[in-house]
């Protein structure tokens, strides 16, 4: 049987993970990314035990252990007194419980790790998708802004929350602005001038919070991300800059550890927090959405990228041994398998209560995308929807 030819739109976490997962099966993959180069965005990311199960199969666990921070816990504290609400212990006990480590990393380091297992020859930069047309035989013809066209047996759209493919298939969805914004940045820990901070803490205020943690094993870089009310700001962009003095004022009554961290940071990015409902369906024929393109979520569980990485592993299992004629059914199986979980995480994240109080997180961190039962397809899709 001729090897399946799969186009992956977007070279973010989900796209690269999908390429890595499909390559393990000998499936021919071509990644198309609109950016002209990869950049190391200033943001942290939590790599949960569930995502690490996928990364381990890619052979990336040693790389990530060497690049990321290994926290004792994710501690949840009162914003002003520092009283502990719930200390979610990770470290060695998490490895024993769920089989893999819980790591805190710079997004750029996780992205670089995934890129290292996908050959450069499989990644086409500066390819902005402008059109796609499904042919009578099931193949899909792609058109790009640079004039290039290509035809593949299947298309996996991992092109993010503003997915071109989603809009082409299912019309443009109007996002729901939550009325909240987030500030975030990564900066050298040396700017703390020796001041000690916790490994990873979420400081819970009455109407706002801040999460602070290290992203390097030598504690040389610090990351934080906030959430607070600001109804008038509606810029959903990771590159927009914020006013660090406004940020400091917004957290002026928080614990000294928070105030010291904000005083040390030189600059911040700011973006509007947006919520979206689960899509009625993810695929059309031999085209499917994946990751944020079909189930974007608020950041309150630190599971957005993990869901895309899990998607990649499950999708590869659904496509194993499939030819072009079987792709549409494989994509329906993928959706039927994944939608119940991603919808549950979306709904849970929306409440912003994750780990605020004693929580049993087994359903999140114990999940294994390589072994979870696959749905049968059409019969299960109605239930999953």
Protein backbone atom coordinates (compact mmCIF):
# COMPACT_ATOMS: atom_id res chain seq x y z
CA UNK A 1 0.00 0.00 0.00
CA UNK A 2 1.29 3.45 -0.94
CA UNK A 3 2.26 5.56 2.07
CA UNK A 4 -0.31 8.13 3.06
CA UNK A 5 0.63 11.74 2.30
CA UNK A 6 -0.47 14.06 5.11
CA UNK A 7 -0.22 17.85 5.10
CA UNK A 8 0.00 19.51 8.52
CA UNK A 9 -0.96 23.16 8.63
CA UNK A 10 0.91 24.96 11.39
CA UNK A 11 4.24 24.15 13.04
CA UNK A 12 3.26 24.89 16.62
CA UNK A 13 3.23 22.30 19.41
CA UNK A 14 0.32 20.36 17.94
CA UNK A 15 1.60 20.43 14.38
CA UNK A 16 5.12 19.28 15.22
CA UNK A 17 3.81 16.62 17.63
CA UNK A 18 1.53 15.34 14.86
CA UNK A 19 4.43 15.18 12.42
CA UNK A 20 6.54 13.31 14.96
CA UNK A 21 3.73 10.87 15.76
CA UNK A 22 2.94 10.12 12.11
CA UNK A 23 6.61 9.72 11.18
CA UNK A 24 6.88 6.93 13.78
CA UNK A 25 4.43 4.98 11.61
CA UNK A 26 6.20 5.71 8.34
CA UNK A 27 3.48 8.10 7.19
CA UNK A 28 4.72 10.81 4.84
CA UNK A 29 4.22 14.24 6.43
CA UNK A 30 4.71 17.78 5.16
CA UNK A 31 4.37 20.68 7.58
CA UNK A 32 3.37 24.11 6.27
CA UNK A 33 4.02 27.09 8.55
CA UNK A 34 3.19 30.71 7.70
CA UNK A 35 6.02 32.21 9.79
CA UNK A 36 9.35 32.72 8.05
CA UNK A 37 11.30 31.48 11.08
CA UNK A 38 10.79 30.03 14.55
CA UNK A 39 11.11 32.51 17.43
CA UNK A 40 11.59 31.88 21.15
CA UNK A 41 8.47 33.54 22.52
CA UNK A 42 8.80 34.78 26.08
CA UNK A 43 6.43 32.41 27.80
CA UNK A 44 6.50 29.47 30.14
CA UNK A 45 4.62 26.21 29.79
CA UNK A 46 3.71 23.41 32.15
CA UNK A 47 4.35 19.95 30.69
CA UNK A 48 1.99 17.70 32.59
CA UNK A 49 2.59 13.99 33.16
CA UNK A 50 -0.03 13.23 30.50
CA UNK A 51 1.88 15.22 27.86
CA UNK A 52 5.18 13.72 28.99
CA UNK A 53 3.87 10.24 28.17
CA UNK A 54 3.70 11.35 24.53
CA UNK A 55 7.08 13.08 24.64
CA UNK A 56 8.69 9.97 26.08
CA UNK A 57 7.64 7.96 23.01
CA UNK A 58 9.29 10.61 20.85
CA UNK A 59 12.54 10.04 22.78
CA UNK A 60 12.44 13.58 24.16
CA UNK A 61 12.28 12.95 27.89
CA UNK A 62 16.06 13.32 28.46
CA UNK A 63 16.10 16.55 26.42
CA UNK A 64 13.23 18.04 28.38
CA UNK A 65 14.59 16.98 31.77
CA UNK A 66 17.83 18.76 30.88
CA UNK A 67 16.09 21.94 29.67
CA UNK A 68 13.15 22.27 32.08
CA UNK A 69 12.57 22.82 35.78
CA UNK A 70 11.54 19.91 38.01
CA UNK A 71 9.23 21.43 40.65
CA UNK A 72 8.56 20.06 44.08
CA UNK A 73 4.91 21.05 43.73
CA UNK A 74 2.31 23.38 42.29
CA UNK A 75 1.42 25.27 45.46
CA UNK A 76 -1.83 27.22 45.76
CA UNK A 77 -1.77 30.08 48.26
CA UNK A 78 -3.88 32.96 49.51
CA UNK A 79 -2.90 36.11 47.66
CA UNK A 80 -1.98 38.19 50.72
CA UNK A 81 -1.17 35.95 53.71
CA UNK A 82 0.49 33.14 51.76
CA UNK A 83 -1.69 30.61 53.58
CA UNK A 84 -1.65 27.29 51.71
CA UNK A 85 -4.97 26.32 50.13
CA UNK A 86 -3.71 23.16 48.38
CA UNK A 87 -0.16 21.98 47.75
CA UNK A 88 -0.23 19.69 44.69
CA UNK A 89 2.99 17.76 45.21
CA UNK A 90 4.83 16.68 42.07
CA UNK A 91 8.50 15.65 41.94
CA UNK A 92 9.28 11.97 42.44
CA UNK A 93 5.87 11.19 43.91
CA UNK A 94 4.20 12.32 40.68
CA UNK A 95 6.49 10.06 38.65
CA UNK A 96 5.57 7.13 40.84
CA UNK A 97 1.87 7.94 40.62
CA UNK A 98 1.56 8.73 36.91
CA UNK A 99 4.72 7.25 35.43
CA UNK A 100 6.30 10.42 34.05
CA UNK A 101 7.65 13.71 35.45
CA UNK A 102 5.85 17.03 35.69
CA UNK A 103 8.08 19.72 34.19
CA UNK A 104 8.04 23.51 33.86
CA UNK A 105 9.67 24.83 30.70
CA UNK A 106 10.14 27.77 28.41
CA UNK A 107 7.75 27.35 25.47
CA UNK A 108 10.66 27.85 23.11
CA UNK A 109 12.53 24.91 24.63
CA UNK A 110 9.54 22.58 24.29
CA UNK A 111 9.01 23.73 20.71
CA UNK A 112 12.69 23.23 19.89
CA UNK A 113 12.56 19.71 21.34
CA UNK A 114 9.62 18.79 19.12
CA UNK A 115 11.28 20.39 16.10
CA UNK A 116 14.38 18.27 16.72
CA UNK A 117 12.47 15.05 15.91
CA UNK A 118 10.96 16.41 12.68
CA UNK A 119 13.44 16.71 9.77
CA UNK A 120 13.93 20.24 8.45
CA UNK A 121 13.11 18.89 5.00
CA UNK A 122 9.57 18.13 6.21
CA UNK A 123 8.92 21.71 7.36
CA UNK A 124 8.05 24.44 4.85
CA UNK A 125 8.31 27.90 6.39
CA UNK A 126 6.80 31.04 4.85
CA UNK A 127 3.81 29.05 3.57
CA UNK A 128 0.59 30.88 4.49
CA UNK A 129 -2.43 28.85 3.49
CA UNK A 130 -4.91 30.80 1.34
CA UNK A 131 -7.10 28.05 -0.09
CA UNK A 132 -7.96 24.37 0.11
CA UNK A 133 -10.11 22.32 -2.21
CA UNK A 134 -11.17 18.73 -1.61
CA UNK A 135 -11.03 16.72 -4.82
CA UNK A 136 -13.52 14.09 -5.97
CA UNK A 137 -11.02 11.31 -5.13
CA UNK A 138 -10.65 12.55 -1.55
CA UNK A 139 -7.29 14.25 -1.97
CA UNK A 140 -6.92 17.91 -0.95
CA UNK A 141 -5.33 20.66 -3.01
CA UNK A 142 -3.68 23.44 -1.03
CA UNK A 143 -2.82 26.95 -2.20
CA UNK A 144 -0.38 29.26 -0.45
CA UNK A 145 0.24 33.00 -0.51
CA UNK A 146 3.69 32.49 -2.04
CA UNK A 147 2.14 30.90 -5.14
CA UNK A 148 2.93 27.29 -4.22
CA UNK A 149 0.27 24.62 -4.60
CA UNK A 150 0.35 21.07 -3.27
CA UNK A 151 -1.93 18.03 -3.16
CA UNK A 152 -2.09 15.55 -0.28
CA UNK A 153 -4.21 12.59 0.75
CA UNK A 154 -5.16 14.22 4.03
CA UNK A 155 -4.86 17.55 5.85
CA UNK A 156 -4.46 18.09 9.58
CA UNK A 157 -5.07 21.71 10.53
CA UNK A 158 -3.14 22.64 13.64
CA UNK A 159 -3.20 26.32 12.77
CA UNK A 160 -4.32 27.66 16.11
CA UNK A 161 -7.18 29.60 17.57
CA UNK A 162 -7.50 31.77 14.46
CA UNK A 163 -7.49 28.72 12.18
CA UNK A 164 -7.89 29.49 8.49
CA UNK A 165 -9.01 25.92 7.89
CA UNK A 166 -11.69 26.08 10.58
CA UNK A 167 -13.14 29.19 8.99
CA UNK A 168 -12.98 27.64 5.53
CA UNK A 169 -14.81 24.51 6.67
CA UNK A 170 -17.23 25.78 9.30
CA UNK A 171 -17.47 29.58 8.92
CA UNK A 172 -15.92 32.17 11.18
CA UNK A 173 -16.67 31.74 14.87
CA UNK A 174 -17.09 34.87 16.96
CA UNK A 175 -14.94 34.54 20.08
CA UNK A 176 -16.37 35.27 23.51
CA UNK A 177 -14.18 37.77 25.32
CA UNK A 178 -14.18 36.92 29.01
CA UNK A 179 -13.65 40.49 30.17
CA UNK A 180 -10.33 39.36 31.63
CA UNK A 181 -6.78 39.92 30.47
CA UNK A 182 -3.46 38.24 31.18
CA UNK A 183 0.05 39.58 31.56
CA UNK A 184 3.02 37.28 31.08
CA UNK A 185 6.77 37.38 30.72
CA UNK A 186 10.00 35.42 31.18
CA UNK A 187 12.96 37.23 32.67
CA UNK A 188 16.39 36.42 34.17
CA UNK A 189 16.17 35.33 37.79
CA UNK A 190 19.30 37.38 38.46
CA UNK A 191 17.02 40.44 38.44
CA UNK A 192 15.52 39.15 41.71
CA UNK A 193 18.88 40.01 43.32
CA UNK A 194 19.03 36.85 45.39
CA UNK A 195 15.43 37.03 46.60
CA UNK A 196 14.05 33.49 46.93
CA UNK A 197 10.70 32.54 45.43
CA UNK A 198 8.74 29.29 45.44
CA UNK A 199 9.22 26.61 42.78
CA UNK A 200 5.71 27.10 41.41
CA UNK A 201 2.88 28.95 43.10
CA UNK A 202 -0.54 30.20 42.10
CA UNK A 203 -1.54 33.13 44.29
CA UNK A 204 -5.35 33.27 44.48
CA UNK A 205 -6.89 36.70 44.95
CA UNK A 206 -10.58 37.61 45.19
CA UNK A 207 -10.89 38.57 41.52
CA UNK A 208 -7.42 37.94 40.09
CA UNK A 209 -4.49 35.57 40.34
CA UNK A 210 -0.86 35.19 39.36
CA UNK A 211 1.16 32.03 38.71
CA UNK A 212 4.94 32.24 39.15
CA UNK A 213 7.50 29.54 38.44
CA UNK A 214 11.00 28.78 37.22
CA UNK A 215 11.46 27.45 33.68
CA UNK A 216 15.11 26.33 33.76
CA UNK A 217 16.72 23.59 35.88
CA UNK A 218 19.28 26.02 37.29
CA UNK A 219 16.53 28.48 38.29
CA UNK A 220 18.02 31.06 35.94
CA UNK A 221 14.71 32.16 34.36
CA UNK A 222 11.42 33.10 35.99
CA UNK A 223 7.99 33.14 34.36
CA UNK A 224 4.68 34.52 35.51
CA UNK A 225 1.21 34.81 34.06
CA UNK A 226 -1.79 36.66 35.51
CA UNK A 227 -5.54 36.90 35.07
CA UNK A 228 -7.52 39.97 36.03
CA UNK A 229 -10.60 41.94 35.01
CA UNK A 230 -10.30 44.49 32.19
CA UNK A 231 -13.42 44.37 30.00
CA UNK A 232 -12.30 47.01 27.50
CA UNK A 233 -9.18 45.22 26.23
CA UNK A 234 -9.83 42.83 23.33
CA UNK A 235 -6.46 42.18 21.70
CA UNK A 236 -5.95 38.43 21.38
CA UNK A 237 -2.28 38.53 20.48
CA UNK A 238 0.79 36.99 22.10
CA UNK A 239 3.00 39.85 20.90
CA UNK A 240 1.10 42.87 22.28
CA UNK A 241 3.00 44.68 25.02
CA UNK A 242 1.53 45.75 28.36
CA UNK A 243 2.35 48.46 30.88
CA UNK A 244 4.40 46.92 33.69
CA UNK A 245 3.46 49.75 36.07
CA UNK A 246 -0.25 49.06 35.56
CA UNK A 247 0.46 45.41 36.30
CA UNK A 248 2.31 46.23 39.52
CA UNK A 249 -0.52 48.48 40.66
CA UNK A 250 -3.06 45.73 40.01
CA UNK A 251 -1.22 43.40 42.41
CA UNK A 252 -0.13 45.97 44.98
CA UNK A 253 -1.98 44.21 47.81
CA UNK A 254 -0.56 40.76 47.06
CA UNK A 255 2.10 38.89 49.06
CA UNK A 256 5.63 40.40 49.15
CA UNK A 257 6.90 37.50 47.00
CA UNK A 258 4.52 38.56 44.22
CA UNK A 259 5.35 42.24 44.56
CA UNK A 260 9.09 41.55 44.50
CA UNK A 261 8.75 39.44 41.35
CA UNK A 262 6.73 42.12 39.56
CA UNK A 263 9.14 44.83 40.66
CA UNK A 264 12.01 42.86 39.10
CA UNK A 265 10.45 42.15 35.71
CA UNK A 266 11.52 44.61 32.99
CA UNK A 267 8.60 44.25 30.57
CA UNK A 268 5.40 42.26 29.99
CA UNK A 269 3.13 41.04 27.23
CA UNK A 270 -0.63 41.42 27.53
CA UNK A 271 -3.49 39.63 25.84
CA UNK A 272 -7.25 39.29 26.17
CA UNK A 273 -8.54 35.99 27.53
CA UNK A 274 -11.10 34.50 25.17
CA UNK A 275 -13.42 31.54 25.63
CA UNK A 276 -14.92 29.41 22.88
CA UNK A 277 -17.49 26.65 22.89
CA UNK A 278 -16.60 23.12 21.67
CA UNK A 279 -17.16 22.83 17.92
CA UNK A 280 -20.04 20.61 16.74
CA UNK A 281 -17.55 18.70 14.57
CA UNK A 282 -13.88 18.77 13.74
CA UNK A 283 -13.55 17.18 10.31
CA UNK A 284 -14.91 17.30 6.78
CA UNK A 285 -13.89 14.42 4.55
CA UNK A 286 -10.11 14.11 4.53
CA UNK A 287 -9.55 17.35 6.47
CA UNK A 288 -9.50 17.57 10.27
CA UNK A 289 -8.76 20.20 12.87
CA UNK A 290 -6.45 19.52 15.82
CA UNK A 291 -5.46 21.32 19.02
CA UNK A 292 -6.46 24.96 19.48
CA UNK A 293 -8.06 24.98 16.04
CA UNK A 294 -10.90 22.82 17.37
CA UNK A 295 -10.77 23.01 21.17
CA UNK A 296 -9.08 26.23 22.35
CA UNK A 297 -9.34 26.75 26.08
CA UNK A 298 -8.61 29.21 28.83
CA UNK A 299 -5.15 28.74 30.39
CA UNK A 300 -6.31 28.00 33.93
CA UNK A 301 -5.46 24.28 33.93
CA UNK A 302 -2.19 24.67 31.97
CA UNK A 303 -3.45 21.97 29.61
CA UNK A 304 -3.90 23.68 26.22
CA UNK A 305 -0.67 22.45 24.63
CA UNK A 306 -0.98 19.10 26.40
CA UNK A 307 -4.35 18.52 24.72
CA UNK A 308 -2.82 19.19 21.29
CA UNK A 309 0.08 16.84 22.06
CA UNK A 310 -2.36 14.14 23.18
CA UNK A 311 -4.36 14.76 19.99
CA UNK A 312 -1.27 14.02 17.92
CA UNK A 313 -0.71 10.62 19.50
CA UNK A 314 -4.35 9.55 19.22
CA UNK A 315 -4.62 10.79 15.62
CA UNK A 316 -1.58 8.76 14.62
CA UNK A 317 -3.17 5.64 16.09
CA UNK A 318 -6.36 6.30 14.12
CA UNK A 319 -4.41 6.73 10.85
CA UNK A 320 -2.22 3.64 11.29
CA UNK A 321 -2.61 1.31 8.31
CA UNK A 322 -5.16 3.58 6.62
CA UNK A 323 -5.17 4.51 2.92
CA UNK A 324 -6.71 7.62 1.39
CA UNK A 325 -10.17 6.03 1.25
CA UNK A 326 -10.09 5.38 4.99
CA UNK A 327 -8.96 8.82 6.11
CA UNK A 328 -12.41 10.34 6.63
CA UNK A 329 -13.43 7.44 8.89
CA UNK A 330 -10.12 7.69 10.77
CA UNK A 331 -10.72 11.38 11.38
CA UNK A 332 -14.21 10.63 12.72
CA UNK A 333 -12.69 8.04 15.09
CA UNK A 334 -10.15 10.62 16.21
CA UNK A 335 -12.86 13.14 17.03
CA UNK A 336 -15.07 10.58 18.76
CA UNK A 337 -12.12 9.46 20.90
CA UNK A 338 -10.87 12.89 21.84
CA UNK A 339 -13.90 15.17 22.07
CA UNK A 340 -15.23 13.91 25.44
CA UNK A 341 -11.86 14.57 27.08
CA UNK A 342 -11.06 17.91 25.45
CA UNK A 343 -14.60 19.18 26.12
CA UNK A 344 -14.27 18.19 29.78
CA UNK A 345 -10.93 20.01 30.08
CA UNK A 346 -12.39 23.07 28.32
CA UNK A 347 -15.32 23.16 30.74
CA UNK A 348 -13.16 22.54 33.81
CA UNK A 349 -10.60 25.14 32.81
CA UNK A 350 -13.32 27.73 32.24
CA UNK A 351 -14.25 27.70 35.94
CA UNK A 352 -10.71 28.68 37.04
CA UNK A 353 -10.91 26.48 40.14
CA UNK A 354 -8.29 23.84 39.20
CA UNK A 355 -6.16 22.96 42.29
CA UNK A 356 -7.53 25.93 44.25
CA UNK A 357 -8.70 23.44 46.88
CA UNK A 358 -7.83 19.75 47.44
CA UNK A 359 -8.25 18.05 44.07
CA UNK A 360 -7.88 14.54 42.67
CA UNK A 361 -6.09 15.15 39.34
CA UNK A 362 -5.83 11.51 38.22
CA UNK A 363 -8.25 12.03 35.32
CA UNK A 364 -5.95 14.68 33.86
CA UNK A 365 -2.41 13.49 34.57
CA UNK A 366 -3.10 9.75 34.47
CA UNK A 367 -4.34 9.80 30.87
CA UNK A 368 -2.19 7.96 28.33
CA UNK A 369 -2.84 8.90 24.70
CA UNK A 370 -0.95 5.82 23.48
CA UNK A 371 -3.20 3.34 25.26
CA UNK A 372 -6.60 5.02 25.73
CA UNK A 373 -9.30 3.02 23.91
CA UNK A 374 -10.18 4.32 20.45
CA UNK A 375 -13.80 5.01 19.59
CA UNK A 376 -15.31 3.18 16.64
CA UNK A 377 -16.16 6.28 14.63
CA UNK A 378 -19.65 7.20 13.45
CA UNK A 379 -21.40 5.16 16.11
CA UNK A 380 -19.64 7.03 18.91
CA UNK A 381 -19.55 10.50 17.36
CA UNK A 382 -23.12 11.36 18.27
CA UNK A 383 -22.38 10.50 21.89
CA UNK A 384 -19.13 12.50 21.86
CA UNK A 385 -20.89 15.52 20.42
